[in-house]
Amino acid sequence: MSDREYQERVWIRRELPRPGYYDEFDLAVHSLFDDSPILPSPAPGCVGELIHADEEVPLARLGEVLSPLIDELGDVSDAEYVHSAQCTVA
């Protein structure tokens, strides 16, 4: 989620690394927020089971950034998320 070149190439232009490969921002968000107890803040007990201890703080920070962004933008395209002012790095 932190690789802008990958986001542009795979999520937006759909230049996939191999046939049958599937990845998109929406899939990542649903996996982290809806399908697991990882975000918006890592749940007690998921460290060691779902994530490594050294990933807990970065994932918590990701939740702090993504939660309000998702609330603000809602159900828009991957390109709209990637190109949103909140995700644009100067």
Protein backbone atom coordinates (compact mmCIF):
# COMPACT_ATOMS: atom_id res chain seq x y z
CA MET A 1 0.00 0.00 0.00
CA SER A 2 2.97 2.33 0.24
CA ASP A 3 4.34 1.78 -3.27
CA ARG A 4 2.94 4.52 -5.53
CA GLU A 5 4.46 3.04 -8.70
CA TYR A 6 2.80 -0.32 -7.95
CA GLN A 7 -0.54 1.38 -7.26
CA GLU A 8 -0.42 3.22 -10.57
CA ARG A 9 0.70 0.15 -12.52
CA VAL A 10 -1.50 -2.55 -10.98
CA TRP A 11 -4.46 -0.84 -9.36
CA ILE A 12 -5.04 1.83 -12.00
CA ARG A 13 -3.54 0.72 -15.33
CA ARG A 14 -4.25 -2.97 -14.57
CA GLU A 15 -0.77 -4.01 -15.76
CA LEU A 16 -0.72 -7.26 -13.84
CA PRO A 17 2.52 -9.18 -13.24
CA ARG A 18 1.13 -12.49 -14.52
CA PRO A 19 -2.10 -14.05 -15.82
CA GLY A 20 -4.61 -14.75 -13.09
CA TYR A 21 -3.05 -12.17 -10.75
CA TYR A 22 -5.56 -10.03 -8.92
CA ASP A 23 -4.99 -7.01 -6.73
CA GLU A 24 -6.75 -3.72 -6.18
CA PHE A 25 -7.07 -1.10 -3.46
CA ASP A 26 -10.65 -2.14 -2.71
CA LEU A 27 -9.53 -5.73 -2.07
CA ALA A 28 -6.81 -4.56 0.32
CA VAL A 29 -9.24 -2.33 2.23
CA HIS A 30 -11.85 -5.07 2.58
CA SER A 31 -9.19 -7.56 3.67
CA LEU A 32 -7.84 -5.25 6.37
CA PHE A 33 -11.10 -3.70 7.61
CA ASP A 34 -13.88 -6.21 6.95
CA ASP A 35 -12.37 -9.68 6.69
CA SER A 36 -10.01 -9.49 9.68
CA PRO A 37 -9.63 -7.70 13.03
CA ILE A 38 -6.56 -5.81 11.81
CA LEU A 39 -7.93 -2.33 11.03
CA PRO A 40 -8.97 0.31 11.94
CA SER A 41 -6.76 -0.62 14.89
CA PRO A 42 -5.07 -3.97 15.39
CA ALA A 43 -7.19 -6.01 17.77
CA PRO A 44 -5.63 -7.67 20.82
CA GLY A 45 -4.64 -11.19 19.93
CA CYS A 46 -4.07 -10.63 16.23
CA VAL A 47 -0.38 -9.93 16.85
CA GLY A 48 1.36 -13.23 16.41
CA GLU A 49 -1.66 -14.82 14.73
CA LEU A 50 -2.30 -12.45 11.84
CA ILE A 51 0.52 -9.91 11.99
CA HIS A 52 4.02 -9.68 13.39
CA ALA A 53 4.61 -7.50 16.45
CA ASP A 54 6.77 -5.08 14.45
CA GLU A 55 3.85 -4.46 12.07
CA GLU A 56 1.38 -3.43 14.79
CA VAL A 57 2.38 0.25 15.03
CA PRO A 58 2.62 0.86 11.25
CA LEU A 59 -0.74 -0.85 10.74
CA ALA A 60 -2.32 1.22 13.50
CA ARG A 61 -1.01 4.36 11.76
CA LEU A 62 -2.39 3.10 8.45
CA GLY A 63 -5.79 2.67 10.11
CA GLU A 64 -5.61 6.23 11.46
CA VAL A 65 -5.06 7.52 7.92
CA LEU A 66 -7.33 5.20 5.96
CA SER A 67 -10.40 5.29 8.21
CA PRO A 68 -11.15 9.01 7.74
CA LEU A 69 -10.17 8.80 4.06
CA ILE A 70 -12.65 5.97 3.48
CA ASP A 71 -15.31 7.90 5.41
CA GLU A 72 -14.67 10.97 3.24
CA LEU A 73 -14.33 9.37 -0.21
CA GLY A 74 -16.59 6.35 0.20
CA ASP A 75 -17.10 4.00 -2.72
CA VAL A 76 -14.97 5.56 -5.46
CA SER A 77 -12.47 4.06 -7.87
CA ASP A 78 -8.95 3.02 -6.93
CA ALA A 79 -7.68 5.88 -9.10
CA GLU A 80 -9.67 8.41 -7.08
CA TYR A 81 -8.11 7.11 -3.85
CA VAL A 82 -4.58 7.02 -5.26
CA HIS A 83 -4.92 10.51 -6.74
CA SER A 84 -6.75 12.06 -3.77
CA ALA A 85 -5.07 15.04 -2.13
CA GLN A 86 -4.65 13.04 1.10
CA CYS A 87 -2.61 10.38 -0.71
CA THR A 88 -0.54 12.66 -2.88
CA VAL A 89 3.00 13.07 -1.62
CA ALA A 90 4.77 16.27 -2.55
